[in-house]
Amino acid sequence: MWKNKTVVTEFILLGFGNGPELDSLLFLMLLLIAIVTITGNILIIVLMVANQHLHTPMYFFLGNLACLEICYSSFCQGFPRMLVDLLLERKFISFSACVLQLYLVIFFITSVSFWVPCHTTDMWLYAIPCTTP
């Protein structure tokens, strides 16, 4: 019986086209989105640490979500890799880097899916007025 003995070592990324003018425009747009996202989340964390009034459970969960968003947008969405690939002529990703990115996406999505219900429950409990009989 014939068996395929080919080993995959890298994937070729095809993308939007071959126009360098489109690549530079996409590079600038994605760089701006990455900078705004990371800066906004860092600002949330800095404000929470600096202001003593924000040391409540609601802002604790918000800070953790901001930290997860920084990690997710930096590592999982592939912004650094995508930005590099937009500038290079040969666009590829190794098999191990692809698997690592997949595992990081699964990890951070799972983490966020556990933190969001906790934050929502905290907000719901915070909104219920305390009444004593």
N, C-alpha and C. Protein backbone atom coordinates (compact mmCIF):
# COMPACT_ATOMS: atom_id res chain seq x y z
N MET A 1 0.83 -1.18 0.00
CA MET A 1 0.00 0.00 0.00
C MET A 1 0.88 1.24 0.00
N TRP A 2 0.50 2.22 -0.80
CA TRP A 2 1.23 3.48 -0.86
C TRP A 2 0.83 4.37 0.31
N LYS A 3 1.81 4.94 0.95
CA LYS A 3 1.55 5.85 2.06
C LYS A 3 2.22 7.19 1.77
N ASN A 4 1.57 8.23 2.19
CA ASN A 4 2.12 9.57 2.03
C ASN A 4 3.15 9.82 3.12
N LYS A 5 4.37 10.08 2.72
CA LYS A 5 5.45 10.30 3.68
C LYS A 5 5.88 11.76 3.70
N THR A 6 5.01 12.65 3.25
CA THR A 6 5.32 14.07 3.23
C THR A 6 5.18 14.65 4.63
N VAL A 7 6.13 15.48 5.02
CA VAL A 7 6.10 16.14 6.32
C VAL A 7 5.88 17.64 6.08
N VAL A 8 4.86 18.18 6.73
CA VAL A 8 4.57 19.60 6.59
C VAL A 8 5.45 20.38 7.57
N THR A 9 6.22 21.33 7.05
CA THR A 9 7.09 22.12 7.92
C THR A 9 6.67 23.59 7.99
N GLU A 10 5.95 24.04 6.97
CA GLU A 10 5.50 25.43 6.98
C GLU A 10 4.27 25.60 6.10
N PHE A 11 3.51 26.66 6.38
CA PHE A 11 2.33 27.00 5.59
C PHE A 11 2.59 28.31 4.87
N ILE A 12 2.16 28.40 3.64
CA ILE A 12 2.29 29.63 2.87
C ILE A 12 1.03 30.45 3.07
N LEU A 13 1.19 31.71 3.46
CA LEU A 13 0.06 32.60 3.69
C LEU A 13 -0.19 33.40 2.43
N LEU A 14 -1.39 33.29 1.87
CA LEU A 14 -1.68 33.95 0.61
C LEU A 14 -2.19 35.38 0.81
N GLY A 15 -3.10 35.62 1.70
CA GLY A 15 -3.52 36.98 2.03
C GLY A 15 -4.44 37.64 1.02
N PHE A 16 -4.34 38.97 0.94
CA PHE A 16 -5.28 39.77 0.17
C PHE A 16 -4.87 39.99 -1.28
N GLY A 17 -3.67 39.80 -1.62
CA GLY A 17 -3.25 40.05 -3.00
C GLY A 17 -1.76 40.31 -3.05
N ASN A 18 -1.33 40.75 -4.21
CA ASN A 18 0.10 40.96 -4.40
C ASN A 18 0.47 42.43 -4.48
N GLY A 19 -0.44 43.33 -4.15
CA GLY A 19 -0.16 44.75 -4.26
C GLY A 19 0.60 45.29 -3.06
N PRO A 20 1.80 45.82 -3.27
CA PRO A 20 2.56 46.37 -2.13
C PRO A 20 1.90 47.61 -1.54
N GLU A 21 1.14 48.35 -2.35
CA GLU A 21 0.45 49.53 -1.81
C GLU A 21 -0.66 49.11 -0.84
N LEU A 22 -1.31 47.97 -1.11
CA LEU A 22 -2.32 47.46 -0.20
C LEU A 22 -1.67 46.92 1.08
N ASP A 23 -0.52 46.29 0.94
CA ASP A 23 0.19 45.77 2.11
C ASP A 23 0.61 46.89 3.05
N SER A 24 1.10 47.99 2.52
CA SER A 24 1.52 49.09 3.39
C SER A 24 0.32 49.74 4.07
N LEU A 25 -0.81 49.84 3.37
CA LEU A 25 -2.02 50.39 3.99
C LEU A 25 -2.53 49.47 5.10
N LEU A 26 -2.56 48.17 4.84
CA LEU A 26 -2.96 47.20 5.86
C LEU A 26 -2.00 47.22 7.04
N PHE A 27 -0.71 47.36 6.76
CA PHE A 27 0.28 47.43 7.84
C PHE A 27 -0.01 48.61 8.76
N LEU A 28 -0.24 49.77 8.18
CA LEU A 28 -0.51 50.96 8.99
C LEU A 28 -1.82 50.83 9.78
N MET A 29 -2.86 50.30 9.16
CA MET A 29 -4.14 50.13 9.86
C MET A 29 -4.02 49.14 11.01
N LEU A 30 -3.38 48.00 10.78
CA LEU A 30 -3.23 46.99 11.83
C LEU A 30 -2.31 47.47 12.94
N LEU A 31 -1.27 48.22 12.58
CA LEU A 31 -0.39 48.77 13.60
C LEU A 31 -1.14 49.77 14.48
N LEU A 32 -1.97 50.60 13.87
CA LEU A 32 -2.77 51.56 14.63
C LEU A 32 -3.75 50.84 15.56
N ILE A 33 -4.41 49.81 15.06
CA ILE A 33 -5.36 49.04 15.88
C ILE A 33 -4.63 48.39 17.05
N ALA A 34 -3.47 47.80 16.81
CA ALA A 34 -2.70 47.15 17.87
C ALA A 34 -2.26 48.16 18.92
N ILE A 35 -1.78 49.32 18.49
CA ILE A 35 -1.31 50.34 19.44
C ILE A 35 -2.46 50.86 20.28
N VAL A 36 -3.60 51.13 19.66
CA VAL A 36 -4.76 51.64 20.41
C VAL A 36 -5.27 50.59 21.40
N THR A 37 -5.35 49.34 20.98
CA THR A 37 -5.83 48.28 21.86
C THR A 37 -4.92 48.08 23.06
N ILE A 38 -3.65 47.96 22.83
CA ILE A 38 -2.71 47.71 23.92
C ILE A 38 -2.59 48.94 24.82
N THR A 39 -2.56 50.14 24.24
CA THR A 39 -2.47 51.36 25.05
C THR A 39 -3.71 51.53 25.92
N GLY A 40 -4.88 51.30 25.37
CA GLY A 40 -6.11 51.43 26.15
C GLY A 40 -6.17 50.46 27.30
N ASN A 41 -5.76 49.23 27.09
CA ASN A 41 -5.78 48.24 28.16
C ASN A 41 -4.72 48.52 29.22
N ILE A 42 -3.56 49.00 28.80
CA ILE A 42 -2.54 49.38 29.78
C ILE A 42 -3.03 50.57 30.59
N LEU A 43 -3.71 51.51 29.95
CA LEU A 43 -4.26 52.66 30.67
C LEU A 43 -5.29 52.23 31.71
N ILE A 44 -6.12 51.27 31.38
CA ILE A 44 -7.09 50.73 32.35
C ILE A 44 -6.37 50.16 33.56
N ILE A 45 -5.34 49.37 33.33
CA ILE A 45 -4.60 48.74 34.43
C ILE A 45 -3.88 49.79 35.27
N VAL A 46 -3.25 50.78 34.64
CA VAL A 46 -2.54 51.82 35.37
C VAL A 46 -3.50 52.65 36.21
N LEU A 47 -4.65 53.00 35.65
CA LEU A 47 -5.63 53.77 36.42
C LEU A 47 -6.16 52.99 37.61
N MET A 48 -6.35 51.70 37.43
CA MET A 48 -6.83 50.87 38.55
C MET A 48 -5.80 50.78 39.66
N VAL A 49 -4.55 50.66 39.31
CA VAL A 49 -3.51 50.56 40.32
C VAL A 49 -3.29 51.91 41.02
N ALA A 50 -3.37 53.00 40.26
CA ALA A 50 -3.08 54.32 40.80
C ALA A 50 -4.20 54.86 41.69
N ASN A 51 -5.44 54.57 41.37
CA ASN A 51 -6.58 55.13 42.10
C ASN A 51 -7.06 54.14 43.16
N GLN A 52 -7.00 54.55 44.41
CA GLN A 52 -7.39 53.69 45.51
C GLN A 52 -8.89 53.37 45.50
N HIS A 53 -9.71 54.25 44.93
CA HIS A 53 -11.16 54.03 44.90
C HIS A 53 -11.56 52.92 43.91
N LEU A 54 -10.64 52.55 43.05
CA LEU A 54 -10.95 51.52 42.06
C LEU A 54 -10.51 50.13 42.51
N HIS A 55 -10.20 49.96 43.77
CA HIS A 55 -9.81 48.65 44.28
C HIS A 55 -11.04 47.91 44.79
N THR A 56 -11.96 47.67 43.89
CA THR A 56 -13.19 46.93 44.20
C THR A 56 -13.22 45.68 43.33
N PRO A 57 -14.07 44.71 43.68
CA PRO A 57 -14.11 43.48 42.86
C PRO A 57 -14.45 43.74 41.40
N MET A 58 -15.31 44.71 41.12
CA MET A 58 -15.67 45.00 39.73
C MET A 58 -14.44 45.41 38.93
N TYR A 59 -13.61 46.28 39.47
CA TYR A 59 -12.41 46.72 38.76
C TYR A 59 -11.31 45.67 38.78
N PHE A 60 -11.33 44.79 39.77
CA PHE A 60 -10.41 43.66 39.77
C PHE A 60 -10.67 42.78 38.54
N PHE A 61 -11.94 42.46 38.31
CA PHE A 61 -12.28 41.65 37.13
C PHE A 61 -11.99 42.41 35.84
N LEU A 62 -12.26 43.70 35.83
CA LEU A 62 -11.99 44.51 34.64
C LEU A 62 -10.50 44.56 34.33
N GLY A 63 -9.68 44.65 35.38
CA GLY A 63 -8.22 44.64 35.18
C GLY A 63 -7.73 43.32 34.65
N ASN A 64 -8.29 42.24 35.16
CA ASN A 64 -7.90 40.93 34.64
C ASN A 64 -8.32 40.76 33.19
N LEU A 65 -9.50 41.24 32.84
CA LEU A 65 -9.93 41.18 31.43
C LEU A 65 -9.03 42.03 30.55
N ALA A 66 -8.59 43.20 31.05
CA ALA A 66 -7.68 44.04 30.28
C ALA A 66 -6.34 43.34 30.09
N CYS A 67 -5.86 42.67 31.12
CA CYS A 67 -4.60 41.92 31.01
C CYS A 67 -4.73 40.77 30.01
N LEU A 68 -5.84 40.06 30.07
CA LEU A 68 -6.07 38.98 29.10
C LEU A 68 -6.18 39.53 27.68
N GLU A 69 -6.79 40.69 27.54
CA GLU A 69 -6.91 41.30 26.21
C GLU A 69 -5.54 41.71 25.66
N ILE A 70 -4.66 42.20 26.54
CA ILE A 70 -3.30 42.54 26.10
C ILE A 70 -2.60 41.28 25.60
N CYS A 71 -2.69 40.21 26.37
CA CYS A 71 -2.05 38.95 25.97
C CYS A 71 -2.67 38.40 24.70
N TYR A 72 -3.98 38.45 24.62
CA TYR A 72 -4.67 37.90 23.44
C TYR A 72 -4.33 38.69 22.18
N SER A 73 -4.38 40.01 22.28
CA SER A 73 -4.11 40.81 21.08
C SER A 73 -2.64 40.79 20.71
N SER A 74 -1.75 40.59 21.68
CA SER A 74 -0.32 40.57 21.38
C SER A 74 0.13 39.23 20.81
N PHE A 75 -0.36 38.15 21.40
CA PHE A 75 0.15 36.84 21.01
C PHE A 75 -0.79 36.08 20.09
N CYS A 76 -2.07 36.15 20.34
CA CYS A 76 -2.99 35.23 19.68
C CYS A 76 -3.53 35.74 18.37
N GLN A 77 -3.83 37.01 18.30
CA GLN A 77 -4.39 37.50 17.05
C GLN A 77 -3.33 37.62 15.98
N GLY A 78 -2.11 37.43 16.36
CA GLY A 78 -1.03 37.40 15.38
C GLY A 78 -0.63 38.76 14.87
N PHE A 79 -0.90 39.81 15.64
CA PHE A 79 -0.53 41.15 15.17
C PHE A 79 0.96 41.26 14.85
N PRO A 80 1.86 40.83 15.75
CA PRO A 80 3.27 40.96 15.39
C PRO A 80 3.64 40.14 14.15
N ARG A 81 3.12 38.93 14.08
CA ARG A 81 3.43 38.08 12.93
C ARG A 81 2.82 38.64 11.64
N MET A 82 1.59 39.12 11.75
CA MET A 82 0.92 39.67 10.58
C MET A 82 1.62 40.93 10.08
N LEU A 83 2.07 41.77 11.01
CA LEU A 83 2.77 42.99 10.62
C LEU A 83 4.09 42.67 9.93
N VAL A 84 4.81 41.68 10.42
CA VAL A 84 6.06 41.27 9.79
C VAL A 84 5.78 40.70 8.40
N ASP A 85 4.75 39.87 8.28
CA ASP A 85 4.44 39.26 6.99
C ASP A 85 3.99 40.28 5.96
N LEU A 86 3.37 41.37 6.39
CA LEU A 86 2.98 42.39 5.44
C LEU A 86 4.19 43.12 4.86
N LEU A 87 5.30 43.13 5.58
CA LEU A 87 6.49 43.81 5.10
C LEU A 87 7.44 42.91 4.32
N LEU A 88 7.34 41.59 4.53
CA LEU A 88 8.25 40.66 3.87
C LEU A 88 7.70 40.21 2.53
N GLU A 89 8.61 39.78 1.67
CA GLU A 89 8.22 39.27 0.35
C GLU A 89 7.68 37.85 0.46
N ARG A 90 8.36 37.01 1.22
CA ARG A 90 7.96 35.61 1.37
C ARG A 90 7.14 35.48 2.65
N LYS A 91 5.87 35.13 2.49
CA LYS A 91 4.96 35.05 3.62
C LYS A 91 4.70 33.58 3.97
N PHE A 92 5.20 33.16 5.13
CA PHE A 92 4.98 31.79 5.57
C PHE A 92 4.99 31.75 7.08
N ILE A 93 4.46 30.66 7.63
CA ILE A 93 4.50 30.40 9.06
C ILE A 93 4.86 28.94 9.25
N SER A 94 5.73 28.69 10.20
CA SER A 94 6.14 27.30 10.43
C SER A 94 5.00 26.53 11.10
N PHE A 95 5.08 25.23 10.97
CA PHE A 95 4.05 24.38 11.56
C PHE A 95 4.02 24.52 13.08
N SER A 96 5.18 24.57 13.71
CA SER A 96 5.22 24.70 15.18
C SER A 96 4.68 26.05 15.64
N ALA A 97 4.95 27.13 14.90
CA ALA A 97 4.41 28.44 15.25
C ALA A 97 2.90 28.46 15.08
N CYS A 98 2.39 27.79 14.07
CA CYS A 98 0.95 27.71 13.85
C CYS A 98 0.27 26.95 14.99
N VAL A 99 0.87 25.84 15.42
CA VAL A 99 0.31 25.05 16.52
C VAL A 99 0.37 25.85 17.83
N LEU A 100 1.48 26.55 18.06
CA LEU A 100 1.60 27.38 19.26
C LEU A 100 0.55 28.47 19.28
N GLN A 101 0.35 29.12 18.14
CA GLN A 101 -0.67 30.17 18.07
C GLN A 101 -2.07 29.59 18.31
N LEU A 102 -2.34 28.41 17.79
CA LEU A 102 -3.63 27.76 18.02
C LEU A 102 -3.84 27.47 19.50
N TYR A 103 -2.82 26.93 20.17
CA TYR A 103 -2.95 26.64 21.60
C TYR A 103 -3.12 27.91 22.42
N LEU A 104 -2.42 28.98 22.06
CA LEU A 104 -2.57 30.24 22.79
C LEU A 104 -3.97 30.82 22.60
N VAL A 105 -4.50 30.73 21.39
CA VAL A 105 -5.87 31.21 21.14
C VAL A 105 -6.85 30.43 22.01
N ILE A 106 -6.72 29.12 22.03
CA ILE A 106 -7.63 28.30 22.83
C ILE A 106 -7.49 28.64 24.31
N PHE A 107 -6.26 28.83 24.80
CA PHE A 107 -6.05 29.14 26.21
C PHE A 107 -6.67 30.48 26.59
N PHE A 108 -6.41 31.53 25.80
CA PHE A 108 -6.91 32.85 26.17
C PHE A 108 -8.41 32.98 25.96
N ILE A 109 -8.95 32.33 24.94
CA ILE A 109 -10.40 32.36 24.75
C ILE A 109 -11.09 31.64 25.92
N THR A 110 -10.52 30.52 26.36
CA THR A 110 -11.08 29.80 27.50
C THR A 110 -10.97 30.65 28.77
N SER A 111 -9.85 31.31 28.96
CA SER A 111 -9.69 32.17 30.13
C SER A 111 -10.71 33.30 30.14
N VAL A 112 -10.89 33.94 29.00
CA VAL A 112 -11.86 35.03 28.91
C VAL A 112 -13.28 34.49 29.13
N SER A 113 -13.56 33.30 28.63
CA SER A 113 -14.90 32.75 28.79
C SER A 113 -15.20 32.38 30.24
N PHE A 114 -14.17 32.22 31.07
CA PHE A 114 -14.40 32.02 32.50
C PHE A 114 -14.47 33.35 33.25
N TRP A 115 -13.69 34.35 32.83
CA TRP A 115 -13.67 35.63 33.54
C TRP A 115 -14.90 36.47 33.26
N VAL A 116 -15.43 36.42 32.05
CA VAL A 116 -16.60 37.25 31.72
C VAL A 116 -17.82 36.87 32.56
N PRO A 117 -18.17 35.59 32.74
CA PRO A 117 -19.29 35.29 33.64
C PRO A 117 -19.04 35.71 35.09
N CYS A 118 -17.80 35.62 35.56
CA CYS A 118 -17.50 36.09 36.91
C CYS A 118 -17.73 37.59 37.02
N HIS A 119 -17.26 38.33 36.03
CA HIS A 119 -17.45 39.78 36.02
C HIS A 119 -18.93 40.14 35.93
N THR A 120 -19.66 39.42 35.11
CA THR A 120 -21.09 39.69 34.95
C THR A 120 -21.84 39.37 36.24
N THR A 121 -21.50 38.29 36.90
CA THR A 121 -22.13 37.94 38.17
C THR A 121 -21.83 38.99 39.23
N ASP A 122 -20.61 39.48 39.25
CA ASP A 122 -20.24 40.52 40.20
C ASP A 122 -21.04 41.80 39.92
N MET A 123 -21.18 42.16 38.67
CA MET A 123 -21.96 43.35 38.32
C MET A 123 -23.43 43.16 38.70
N TRP A 124 -23.95 41.97 38.50
CA TRP A 124 -25.35 41.69 38.83
C TRP A 124 -25.57 41.76 40.34
N LEU A 125 -24.64 41.18 41.12
CA LEU A 125 -24.76 41.23 42.56
C LEU A 125 -24.57 42.65 43.10
N TYR A 126 -23.73 43.42 42.44
CA TYR A 126 -23.49 44.80 42.84
C TYR A 126 -24.73 45.67 42.58
N ALA A 127 -25.49 45.33 41.56
CA ALA A 127 -26.64 46.13 41.17
C ALA A 127 -27.88 45.82 42.02
N ILE A 128 -27.91 44.67 42.67
CA ILE A 128 -29.07 44.31 43.50
C ILE A 128 -29.04 45.15 44.78
N PRO A 129 -30.08 45.88 45.06
CA PRO A 129 -30.08 46.70 46.30
C PRO A 129 -30.16 45.79 47.51
N CYS A 130 -29.45 46.17 48.55
CA CYS A 130 -29.48 45.42 49.80
C CYS A 130 -30.68 45.86 50.62
N THR A 131 -31.57 44.95 50.88
CA THR A 131 -32.72 45.25 51.71
C THR A 131 -32.71 44.31 52.90
N THR A 132 -32.89 44.85 54.06
CA THR A 132 -32.94 44.03 55.26
C THR A 132 -34.35 44.00 55.78
N PRO A 133 -34.83 42.87 56.22
CA PRO A 133 -36.22 42.78 56.71
C PRO A 133 -36.42 43.46 58.04
